[in-house]
C-alpha atoms as a PDB file:
ATOM      1  CA  MET A   1      98.134  97.323  77.631  1.00  0.00           C
ATOM      2  CA  TRP A   2      97.266  96.296  81.175  1.00  0.00           C
ATOM      3  CA  ARG A   3      93.789  95.201  82.164  1.00  0.00           C
ATOM      4  CA  ALA A   4      92.366  96.307  85.520  1.00  0.00           C
ATOM      5  CA  GLY A   5      88.798  96.296  86.717  1.00  0.00           C
ATOM      6  CA  GLY A   6      87.467  95.449  83.257  1.00  0.00           C
ATOM      7  CA  TYR A   7      89.235  98.359  81.553  1.00  0.00           C
ATOM      8  CA  HIS A   8      92.411  98.583  79.532  1.00  0.00           C
ATOM      9  CA  LEU A   9      94.760 101.080  81.119  1.00  0.00           C
ATOM     10  CA  PRO A  10      98.233 102.142  79.976  1.00  0.00           C
ATOM     11  CA  ARG A  11     101.080 100.781  81.991  1.00  0.00           C
ATOM     12  CA  VAL A  12     104.707 101.793  82.137  1.00  0.00           C
ATOM     13  CA  GLU A  13     106.756  99.162  80.358  1.00  0.00           C
ATOM     14  CA  GLY A  14     109.373  97.571  82.540  1.00  0.00           C
ATOM     15  CA  ALA A  15     107.962  99.106  85.677  1.00  0.00           C
ATOM     16  CA  SER A  16     110.450  98.733  88.490  1.00  0.00           C
ATOM     17  CA  MET A  17     110.829  99.655  92.116  1.00  0.00           C
ATOM     18  CA  ASN A  18     112.975 102.664  91.178  1.00  0.00           C
ATOM     19  CA  GLN A  19     110.516 103.812  88.522  1.00  0.00           C
ATOM     20  CA  GLY A  20     107.499 103.544  90.811  1.00  0.00           C
ATOM     21  CA  ALA A  21     109.368 105.293  93.620  1.00  0.00           C
ATOM     22  CA  LEU A  22     110.493 108.139  91.346  1.00  0.00           C
ATOM     23  CA  LEU A  23     106.951 108.635  90.081  1.00  0.00           C
ATOM     24  CA  ALA A  24     105.685 108.676  93.687  1.00  0.00           C
ATOM     25  CA  ILE A  25     108.292 111.302  94.612  1.00  0.00           C
ATOM     26  CA  PHE A  26     107.299 113.389  91.589  1.00  0.00           C
ATOM     27  CA  ALA A  27     103.612 113.092  92.527  1.00  0.00           C
ATOM     28  CA  SER A  28     104.411 114.177  96.094  1.00  0.00           C
ATOM     29  CA  LEU A  29     106.261 117.213  94.733  1.00  0.00           C
ATOM     30  CA  ILE A  30     103.311 118.105  92.500  1.00  0.00           C
ATOM     31  CA  PHE A  31     100.815 117.844  95.368  1.00  0.00           C
ATOM     32  CA  SER A  32     103.088 119.948  97.589  1.00  0.00           C
ATOM     33  CA  VAL A  33     102.983 122.644  94.888  1.00  0.00           C
ATOM     34  CA  MET A  34      99.181 122.411  94.930  1.00  0.00           C
ATOM     35  CA  ASN A  35      99.199 122.828  98.717  1.00  0.00           C
ATOM     36  CA  THR A  36     101.422 125.888  98.371  1.00  0.00           C
ATOM     37  CA  LEU A  37      99.101 127.446  95.792  1.00  0.00           C
ATOM     38  CA  VAL A  38      96.110 126.809  98.075  1.00  0.00           C
ATOM     39  CA  LYS A  39      97.847 128.507 100.992  1.00  0.00           C
ATOM     40  CA  ILE A  40      98.865 131.467  98.807  1.00  0.00           C
ATOM     41  CA  ILE A  41      95.308 132.095  97.609  1.00  0.00           C
ATOM     42  CA  ALA A  42      93.658 131.308 100.972  1.00  0.00           C
ATOM     43  CA  ASP A  43      94.366 134.823 102.264  1.00  0.00           C
ATOM     44  CA  ASP A  44      92.105 136.306  99.568  1.00  0.00           C
ATOM     45  CA  ILE A  45      89.652 133.565  98.564  1.00  0.00           C
ATOM     46  CA  PRO A  46      87.463 131.556 101.037  1.00  0.00           C
ATOM     47  CA  THR A  47      88.029 127.814 101.375  1.00  0.00           C
ATOM     48  CA  GLY A  48      84.658 126.881  99.865  1.00  0.00           C
ATOM     49  CA  GLU A  49      85.378 128.919  96.760  1.00  0.00           C
ATOM     50  CA  ILE A  50      88.827 127.341  96.337  1.00  0.00           C
ATOM     51  CA  VAL A  51      87.211 123.904  96.537  1.00  0.00           C
ATOM     52  CA  PHE A  52      84.560 124.993  94.018  1.00  0.00           C
ATOM     53  CA  PHE A  53      87.052 126.117  91.390  1.00  0.00           C
ATOM     54  CA  ARG A  54      89.384 123.169  91.979  1.00  0.00           C
ATOM     55  CA  SER A  55      86.499 120.682  91.685  1.00  0.00           C
ATOM     56  CA  SER A  56      84.438 122.255  88.905  1.00  0.00           C
ATOM     57  CA  ILE A  57      87.417 122.830  86.605  1.00  0.00           C
ATOM     58  CA  GLY A  58      88.717 119.348  87.352  1.00  0.00           C
ATOM     59  CA  CYS A  59      85.253 117.927  86.681  1.00  0.00           C
ATOM     60  CA  LEU A  60      85.198 119.447  83.190  1.00  0.00           C
ATOM     61  CA  LEU A  61      88.700 118.159  82.468  1.00  0.00           C
ATOM     62  CA  VAL A  62      87.773 114.625  83.556  1.00  0.00           C
ATOM     63  CA  LEU A  63      84.656 114.741  81.347  1.00  0.00           C
ATOM     64  CA  LEU A  64      86.897 115.612  78.399  1.00  0.00           C
ATOM     65  CA  LEU A  65      89.179 112.687  79.261  1.00  0.00           C
ATOM     66  CA  MET A  66      86.178 110.353  79.520  1.00  0.00           C
ATOM     67  CA  TYR A  67      85.011 111.487  76.080  1.00  0.00           C
ATOM     68  CA  ARG A  68      88.522 111.157  74.654  1.00  0.00           C
ATOM     69  CA  TYR A  69      88.962 107.578  75.854  1.00  0.00           C
ATOM     70  CA  GLY A  70      85.359 106.446  75.434  1.00  0.00           C
ATOM     71  CA  VAL A  71      84.626 105.941  79.132  1.00  0.00           C
ATOM     72  CA  VAL A  72      80.884 105.741  79.852  1.00  0.00           C
ATOM     73  CA  PHE A  73      78.993 106.039  83.124  1.00  0.00           C
ATOM     74  CA  SER A  74      77.964 102.791  84.760  1.00  0.00           C
ATOM     75  CA  ARG A  75      74.582 102.060  86.343  1.00  0.00           C
ATOM     76  CA  GLU A  76      76.177  99.848  88.974  1.00  0.00           C
ATOM     77  CA  ASP A  77      77.200 100.831  92.508  1.00  0.00           C
ATOM     78  CA  ARG A  78      75.764 104.337  92.293  1.00  0.00           C
ATOM     79  CA  PRO A  79      75.195 104.632  96.067  1.00  0.00           C
ATOM     80  CA  LEU A  80      78.823 103.667  96.673  1.00  0.00           C
ATOM     81  CA  LEU A  81      80.010 106.084  93.976  1.00  0.00           C
ATOM     82  CA  VAL A  82      78.015 108.868  95.642  1.00  0.00           C
ATOM     83  CA  LEU A  83      79.455 107.907  99.040  1.00  0.00           C
ATOM     84  CA  ARG A  84      82.969 108.008  97.618  1.00  0.00           C
ATOM     85  CA  GLY A  85      82.238 111.408  96.080  1.00  0.00           C
ATOM     86  CA  ALA A  86      80.790 112.788  99.317  1.00  0.00           C
ATOM     87  CA  MET A  87      83.697 111.558 101.426  1.00  0.00           C
ATOM     88  CA  GLY A  88      86.173 112.893  98.887  1.00  0.00           C
ATOM     89  CA  GLY A  89      84.417 116.256  98.818  1.00  0.00           C
ATOM     90  CA  LEU A  90      84.380 116.546 102.617  1.00  0.00           C
ATOM     91  CA  TYR A  91      88.040 115.528 102.683  1.00  0.00           C
ATOM     92  CA  LEU A  92      88.900 118.280 100.212  1.00  0.00           C
ATOM     93  CA  ILE A  93      86.995 120.943 102.169  1.00  0.00           C
ATOM     94  CA  CYS A  94      88.598 119.964 105.484  1.00  0.00           C
ATOM     95  CA  TYR A  95      92.060 119.617 103.965  1.00  0.00           C
ATOM     96  CA  PHE A  96      92.007 123.005 102.246  1.00  0.00           C
ATOM     97  CA  TYR A  97      90.703 124.589 105.458  1.00  0.00           C
ATOM     98  CA  SER A  98      93.566 123.070 107.444  1.00  0.00           C
ATOM     99  CA  ILE A  99      96.099 124.255 104.849  1.00  0.00           C
ATOM    100  CA  ALA A 100      94.716 127.785 105.162  1.00  0.00           C
ATOM    101  CA  ASN A 101      94.907 127.793 108.974  1.00  0.00           C
ATOM    102  CA  LEU A 102      97.895 125.571 109.832  1.00  0.00           C
ATOM    103  CA  THR A 103     101.488 125.395 108.760  1.00  0.00           C
ATOM    104  CA  LEU A 104     101.957 123.433 105.545  1.00  0.00           C
ATOM    105  CA  ALA A 105     103.946 120.815 107.442  1.00  0.00           C
ATOM    106  CA  ASP A 106     101.234 120.177 110.048  1.00  0.00           C
ATOM    107  CA  ALA A 107      98.368 120.197 107.528  1.00  0.00           C
ATOM    108  CA  SER A 108     100.093 117.689 105.253  1.00  0.00           C
ATOM    109  CA  MET A 109     101.138 115.521 108.182  1.00  0.00           C
ATOM    110  CA  LEU A 110      97.631 115.274 109.600  1.00  0.00           C
ATOM    111  CA  VAL A 111      96.180 114.060 106.300  1.00  0.00           C
ATOM    112  CA  TYR A 112      98.808 111.298 106.307  1.00  0.00           C
ATOM    113  CA  LEU A 113      96.844 109.819 109.214  1.00  0.00           C
ATOM    114  CA  SER A 114      94.465 108.403 106.591  1.00  0.00           C
ATOM    115  CA  PRO A 115      96.266 105.001 106.343  1.00  0.00           C
ATOM    116  CA  PHE A 116      95.805 104.628 110.102  1.00  0.00           C
ATOM    117  CA  PHE A 117      92.075 105.301 109.847  1.00  0.00           C
ATOM    118  CA  SER A 118      91.797 103.015 106.794  1.00  0.00           C
ATOM    119  CA  ILE A 119      93.266 100.112 108.732  1.00  0.00           C
ATOM    120  CA  LEU A 120      91.226 100.944 111.840  1.00  0.00           C
ATOM    121  CA  LEU A 121      87.979 101.109 109.856  1.00  0.00           C
ATOM    122  CA  SER A 122      88.831  97.864 108.065  1.00  0.00           C
ATOM    123  CA  LEU A 123      89.378  96.140 111.397  1.00  0.00           C
ATOM    124  CA  LEU A 124      86.091  97.466 112.764  1.00  0.00           C
ATOM    125  CA  VAL A 125      84.136  96.397 109.682  1.00  0.00           C
ATOM    126  CA  MET A 126      85.770  92.967 109.472  1.00  0.00           C
ATOM    127  CA  ARG A 127      85.657  92.603 113.283  1.00  0.00           C
ATOM    128  CA  GLU A 128      89.081  91.036 113.300  1.00  0.00           C
ATOM    129  CA  ARG A 129      91.213  90.714 116.408  1.00  0.00           C
ATOM    130  CA  ILE A 130      94.274  92.949 116.609  1.00  0.00           C
ATOM    131  CA  ASN A 131      97.558  91.341 117.547  1.00  0.00           C
ATOM    132  CA  ALA A 132      99.936  92.978 120.024  1.00  0.00           C
ATOM    133  CA  ASN A 133     102.326  94.211 117.342  1.00  0.00           C
ATOM    134  CA  ALA A 134      99.596  96.011 115.407  1.00  0.00           C
ATOM    135  CA  LEU A 135      98.084  97.408 118.616  1.00  0.00           C
ATOM    136  CA  PHE A 136     101.456  98.895 119.586  1.00  0.00           C
ATOM    137  CA  TRP A 137     101.775 100.779 116.274  1.00  0.00           C
ATOM    138  CA  LEU A 138      98.156 101.931 116.424  1.00  0.00           C
ATOM    139  CA  VAL A 139      98.848 103.454 119.840  1.00  0.00           C
ATOM    140  CA  MET A 140     102.006 105.098 118.467  1.00  0.00           C
ATOM    141  CA  VAL A 141      99.971 106.743 115.691  1.00  0.00           C
ATOM    142  CA  ILE A 142      97.503 108.088 118.258  1.00  0.00           C
ATOM    143  CA  ILE A 143     100.345 109.509 120.374  1.00  0.00           C
ATOM    144  CA  GLY A 144     101.871 111.111 117.284  1.00  0.00           C
ATOM    145  CA  ALA A 145      98.529 112.654 116.323  1.00  0.00           C
ATOM    146  CA  ILE A 146      98.075 114.053 119.848  1.00  0.00           C
ATOM    147  CA  LEU A 147     101.499 115.698 119.646  1.00  0.00           C
ATOM    148  CA  LEU A 148     100.497 117.294 116.332  1.00  0.00           C
ATOM    149  CA  VAL A 149      97.083 118.519 117.536  1.00  0.00           C
ATOM    150  CA  ARG A 150      98.313 119.580 121.017  1.00  0.00           C
ATOM    151  CA  PRO A 151      94.861 119.533 122.737  1.00  0.00           C
ATOM    152  CA  TRP A 152      96.353 120.723 126.045  1.00  0.00           C
ATOM    153  CA  ASP A 153      97.012 124.121 124.439  1.00  0.00           C
ATOM    154  CA  PHE A 154      93.513 124.672 123.052  1.00  0.00           C
ATOM    155  CA  SER A 155      93.236 127.480 120.513  1.00  0.00           C
ATOM    156  CA  ALA A 156      92.029 128.231 116.998  1.00  0.00           C
ATOM    157  CA  TYR A 157      95.084 126.278 115.841  1.00  0.00           C
ATOM    158  CA  THR A 158      93.809 123.242 117.748  1.00  0.00           C
ATOM    159  CA  LEU A 159      90.401 123.494 116.045  1.00  0.00           C
ATOM    160  CA  ALA A 160      92.070 123.709 112.634  1.00  0.00           C
ATOM    161  CA  SER A 161      94.167 120.672 113.578  1.00  0.00           C
ATOM    162  CA  LEU A 162      91.024 118.716 114.454  1.00  0.00           C
ATOM    163  CA  VAL A 163      89.599 119.640 111.051  1.00  0.00           C
ATOM    164  CA  GLY A 164      92.843 118.277 109.595  1.00  0.00           C
ATOM    165  CA  VAL A 165      92.268 114.999 111.438  1.00  0.00           C
ATOM    166  CA  LEU A 166      88.726 114.915 110.013  1.00  0.00           C
ATOM    167  CA  SER A 167      90.195 115.274 106.520  1.00  0.00           C
ATOM    168  CA  ALA A 168      92.192 112.097 107.171  1.00  0.00           C
ATOM    169  CA  VAL A 169      89.046 110.257 108.337  1.00  0.00           C
ATOM    170  CA  PHE A 170      87.119 111.261 105.210  1.00  0.00           C
ATOM    171  CA  ALA A 171      90.113 110.357 103.026  1.00  0.00           C
ATOM    172  CA  ALA A 172      90.259 106.916 104.650  1.00  0.00           C
ATOM    173  CA  ILE A 173      86.579 106.204 103.960  1.00  0.00           C
ATOM    174  CA  ALA A 174      87.008 107.441 100.388  1.00  0.00           C
ATOM    175  CA  TYR A 175      90.033 105.179  99.948  1.00  0.00           C
ATOM    176  CA  LEU A 176      88.159 102.113 101.188  1.00  0.00           C
ATOM    177  CA  SER A 177      85.291 102.781  98.779  1.00  0.00           C
ATOM    178  CA  VAL A 178      87.705 103.353  95.876  1.00  0.00           C
ATOM    179  CA  ASN A 179      89.370 100.062  96.725  1.00  0.00           C
ATOM    180  CA  LYS A 180      86.059  98.313  96.069  1.00  0.00           C
ATOM    181  CA  LEU A 181      84.895 100.470  93.156  1.00  0.00           C
ATOM    182  CA  SER A 182      88.156 100.186  91.203  1.00  0.00           C
ATOM    183  CA  LYS A 183      87.422  96.517  90.502  1.00  0.00           C
ATOM    184  CA  ARG A 184      84.390  97.387  88.363  1.00  0.00           C
ATOM    185  CA  HIS A 185      84.677 101.057  87.430  1.00  0.00           C
ATOM    186  CA  HIS A 186      87.091 103.132  85.408  1.00  0.00           C
ATOM    187  CA  ASN A 187      89.237 105.530  87.410  1.00  0.00           C
ATOM    188  CA  TYR A 188      87.882 108.510  85.437  1.00  0.00           C
ATOM    189  CA  GLU A 189      84.296 107.676  86.441  1.00  0.00           C
ATOM    190  CA  ILE A 190      85.263 107.409  90.115  1.00  0.00           C
ATOM    191  CA  VAL A 191      87.154 110.709  89.972  1.00  0.00           C
ATOM    192  CA  PHE A 192      84.232 112.404  88.200  1.00  0.00           C
ATOM    193  CA  TYR A 193      81.831 111.504  91.026  1.00  0.00           C
ATOM    194  CA  PHE A 194      84.359 112.843  93.534  1.00  0.00           C
ATOM    195  CA  LEU A 195      84.809 116.178  91.746  1.00  0.00           C
ATOM    196  CA  PHE A 196      81.133 116.631  90.855  1.00  0.00           C
ATOM    197  CA  ILE A 197      79.894 116.027  94.402  1.00  0.00           C
ATOM    198  CA  ALA A 198      82.738 118.131  95.831  1.00  0.00           C
ATOM    199  CA  THR A 199      81.524 120.960  93.585  1.00  0.00           C
ATOM    200  CA  LEU A 200      77.980 120.584  94.947  1.00  0.00           C
ATOM    201  CA  LEU A 201      79.202 120.483  98.564  1.00  0.00           C
ATOM    202  CA  SER A 202      81.188 123.680  98.064  1.00  0.00           C
ATOM    203  CA  LEU A 203      78.163 125.697  96.880  1.00  0.00           C
ATOM    204  CA  PRO A 204      76.585 126.296 100.345  1.00  0.00           C
ATOM    205  CA  LEU A 205      79.986 127.375 101.666  1.00  0.00           C
ATOM    206  CA  MET A 206      80.061 130.224  99.143  1.00  0.00           C
ATOM    207  CA  TRP A 207      76.709 131.654 100.244  1.00  0.00           C
ATOM    208  CA  ASN A 208      77.198 135.387 100.930  1.00  0.00           C
ATOM    209  CA  SER A 209      80.978 134.924 100.817  1.00  0.00           C
ATOM    210  CA  PHE A 210      81.779 134.559  97.115  1.00  0.00           C
ATOM    211  CA  ILE A 211      84.583 136.827  95.937  1.00  0.00           C
ATOM    212  CA  TRP A 212      85.071 137.474  92.244  1.00  0.00           C
ATOM    213  CA  PRO A 213      88.702 136.538  91.583  1.00  0.00           C
ATOM    214  CA  ASN A 214      90.867 138.919  89.628  1.00  0.00           C
ATOM    215  CA  ALA A 215      93.073 137.680  86.781  1.00  0.00           C
ATOM    216  CA  TYR A 216      95.956 136.761  89.114  1.00  0.00           C
ATOM    217  CA  GLN A 217      93.694 134.928  91.568  1.00  0.00           C
ATOM    218  CA  PHE A 218      91.903 133.055  88.790  1.00  0.00           C
ATOM    219  CA  ALA A 219      95.262 131.988  87.364  1.00  0.00           C
ATOM    220  CA  ILE A 220      96.158 130.454  90.737  1.00  0.00           C
ATOM    221  CA  LEU A 221      92.749 128.762  91.050  1.00  0.00           C
ATOM    222  CA  LEU A 222      93.136 127.329  87.548  1.00  0.00           C
ATOM    223  CA  SER A 223      96.659 126.189  88.385  1.00  0.00           C
ATOM    224  CA  ILE A 224      95.389 124.386  91.504  1.00  0.00           C
ATOM    225  CA  ALA A 225      92.940 122.385  89.376  1.00  0.00           C
ATOM    226  CA  LEU A 226      95.511 121.559  86.678  1.00  0.00           C
ATOM    227  CA  VAL A 227      98.316 120.712  89.099  1.00  0.00           C
ATOM    228  CA  SER A 228      96.108 118.464  91.236  1.00  0.00           C
ATOM    229  CA  LEU A 229      94.891 116.560  88.167  1.00  0.00           C
ATOM    230  CA  LEU A 230      98.480 116.116  86.979  1.00  0.00           C
ATOM    231  CA  GLY A 231      99.458 114.860  90.423  1.00  0.00           C
ATOM    232  CA  GLN A 232      96.628 112.325  90.382  1.00  0.00           C
ATOM    233  CA  VAL A 233      97.674 111.022  86.958  1.00  0.00           C
ATOM    234  CA  VAL A 234     101.318 110.648  88.024  1.00  0.00           C
ATOM    235  CA  LEU A 235     100.380 108.994  91.327  1.00  0.00           C
ATOM    236  CA  THR A 236      98.041 106.561  89.557  1.00  0.00           C
ATOM    237  CA  GLN A 237     100.860 105.603  87.196  1.00  0.00           C
ATOM    238  CA  ALA A 238     103.176 105.130  90.180  1.00  0.00           C
ATOM    239  CA  PHE A 239     100.731 102.656  91.719  1.00  0.00           C
ATOM    240  CA  TYR A 240     100.738 100.650  88.485  1.00  0.00           C
ATOM    241  CA  SER A 241     104.279  99.571  89.336  1.00  0.00           C
ATOM    242  CA  GLU A 242     104.964  96.194  90.885  1.00  0.00           C
ATOM    243  CA  ASN A 243     105.968  97.634  94.251  1.00  0.00           C
ATOM    244  CA  LEU A 244     102.921  99.262  95.821  1.00  0.00           C
ATOM    245  CA  ILE A 245     104.319  99.224  99.358  1.00  0.00           C
ATOM    246  CA  VAL A 246     107.477 101.012  98.169  1.00  0.00           C
ATOM    247  CA  VAL A 247     105.374 103.663  96.447  1.00  0.00           C
ATOM    248  CA  SER A 248     103.246 104.093  99.596  1.00  0.00           C
ATOM    249  CA  VAL A 249     106.307 104.555 101.793  1.00  0.00           C
ATOM    250  CA  VAL A 250     108.088 106.933  99.416  1.00  0.00           C
ATOM    251  CA  ARG A 251     105.025 109.210  99.285  1.00  0.00           C
ATOM    252  CA  TYR A 252     105.835 110.380 102.806  1.00  0.00           C
ATOM    253  CA  ILE A 253     108.650 112.452 101.302  1.00  0.00           C
ATOM    254  CA  GLY A 254     105.862 114.908 100.501  1.00  0.00           C
ATOM    255  CA  ILE A 255     106.132 116.068 104.112  1.00  0.00           C
ATOM    256  CA  VAL A 256     109.684 117.234 103.400  1.00  0.00           C
ATOM    257  CA  PHE A 257     108.524 119.170 100.332  1.00  0.00           C
ATOM    258  CA  ASN A 258     105.760 120.861 102.335  1.00  0.00           C
ATOM    259  CA  ILE A 259     108.193 121.797 105.102  1.00  0.00           C
ATOM    260  CA  GLY A 260     110.458 123.310 102.448  1.00  0.00           C
ATOM    261  CA  TRP A 261     107.715 125.394 100.825  1.00  0.00           C
ATOM    262  CA  GLY A 262     106.443 126.519 104.232  1.00  0.00           C
ATOM    263  CA  TRP A 263     109.899 127.693 105.242  1.00  0.00           C
ATOM    264  CA  LEU A 264     110.597 129.342 101.870  1.00  0.00           C
ATOM    265  CA  PHE A 265     107.368 131.349 101.551  1.00  0.00           C
ATOM    266  CA  TRP A 266     106.142 131.821 105.136  1.00  0.00           C
ATOM    267  CA  ASN A 267     109.229 131.229 107.267  1.00  0.00           C
ATOM    268  CA  GLU A 268     107.430 128.289 108.917  1.00  0.00           C
ATOM    269  CA  ILE A 269     109.650 126.180 111.150  1.00  0.00           C
ATOM    270  CA  PRO A 270     108.041 123.045 112.657  1.00  0.00           C
ATOM    271  CA  MET A 271     107.962 122.806 116.445  1.00  0.00           C
ATOM    272  CA  GLN A 272     109.940 120.010 118.084  1.00  0.00           C
ATOM    273  CA  LEU A 273     106.697 118.348 119.197  1.00  0.00           C
ATOM    274  CA  SER A 274     105.404 118.457 115.616  1.00  0.00           C
ATOM    275  CA  ILE A 275     108.600 116.891 114.295  1.00  0.00           C
ATOM    276  CA  PHE A 276     108.508 114.110 116.888  1.00  0.00           C
ATOM    277  CA  GLY A 277     104.784 113.536 116.322  1.00  0.00           C
ATOM    278  CA  SER A 278     105.323 113.418 112.557  1.00  0.00           C
ATOM    279  CA  LEU A 279     108.084 110.834 112.916  1.00  0.00           C
ATOM    280  CA  LEU A 280     105.841 108.692 115.115  1.00  0.00           C
ATOM    281  CA  VAL A 281     102.996 108.870 112.603  1.00  0.00           C
ATOM    282  CA  VAL A 282     105.175 108.135 109.561  1.00  0.00           C
ATOM    283  CA  VAL A 283     107.057 105.197 111.088  1.00  0.00           C
ATOM    284  CA  SER A 284     103.904 103.732 112.642  1.00  0.00           C
ATOM    285  CA  CYS A 285     101.817 104.035 109.463  1.00  0.00           C
ATOM    286  CA  ILE A 286     104.586 102.370 107.459  1.00  0.00           C
ATOM    287  CA  GLN A 287     104.730  99.519 109.969  1.00  0.00           C
ATOM    288  CA  LEU A 288     100.937  99.147 109.930  1.00  0.00           C
ATOM    289  CA  GLY A 289     100.995  99.111 106.141  1.00  0.00           C
ATOM    290  CA  LEU A 290     103.572  96.337 106.144  1.00  0.00           C
ATOM    291  CA  LEU A 291     101.584  94.343 108.696  1.00  0.00           C
ATOM    292  CA  ASN A 292      98.364  94.807 106.755  1.00  0.00           C
ATOM    293  CA  ARG A 293     100.042  93.792 103.498  1.00  0.00           C
ATOM    294  CA  ASN A 294     101.377  90.629 105.103  1.00  0.00           C
ATOM    295  CA  LYS A 295      97.936  89.835 106.606  1.00  0.00           C
ATOM    296  CA  ALA A 296      99.446  90.080 110.089  1.00  0.00           C
ATOM    297  CA  VAL A 297      96.989  92.618 111.454  1.00  0.00           C
END
């Protein structure tokens, strides 16, 4: 057993770079399936309701896991746990909205801006100076994001893209809080706060817009909750490997999966600007991650 943050967690024996990378690829595939299911149901069920079912069902499942493994709620860091839950809930709402209104490729790419915002927020909080190398890649990320959002061609698509950028901001704040909470709290407790608060945040969005799902729609909503929980478990196991930077880089293959599903089900073909912007974001975020890991930022 491996000890982390005061809790014994299972670890893959003989974890290797290949094993962690394969698990990260599998997790990316699972999350791309979740994105596809969200987009399929988004034509019939409002975003707030999708978030409600995904969060409430997931919340019950996590409670069962907490009971199964004897995880109890802590009295420490409750404000930070609530903040993490709120940021995670807002991320989920914005992300599902962007999936419903953008191509799968663009929606998934915009949320991958979260490492950029994580590093930027860390620099602002720590008030550290940015070296020229890091500044160059930060500018490249911004250029890539502009190419994805395309503000010069303002439309409903642009607004949905900005919501996608917001999802990345909320995800970044949630990630930073998880980074601190994980040292003293079990992962299940952190996830519970996220899902519980996301459920609460989704309630006002369903006011006068709730649609009773039929059997087919409920099956998809249930699948979204189950698939997303499976993806989280697999991704967590991937990050237990020795090669966290490899796992982080490999996760970007999820963009390819989302492009594939978008083309297969909706005949979505990314624009040249989107492809170029995506490449800029991916390469720049990888470089920033390497710099941050080496304490060069």
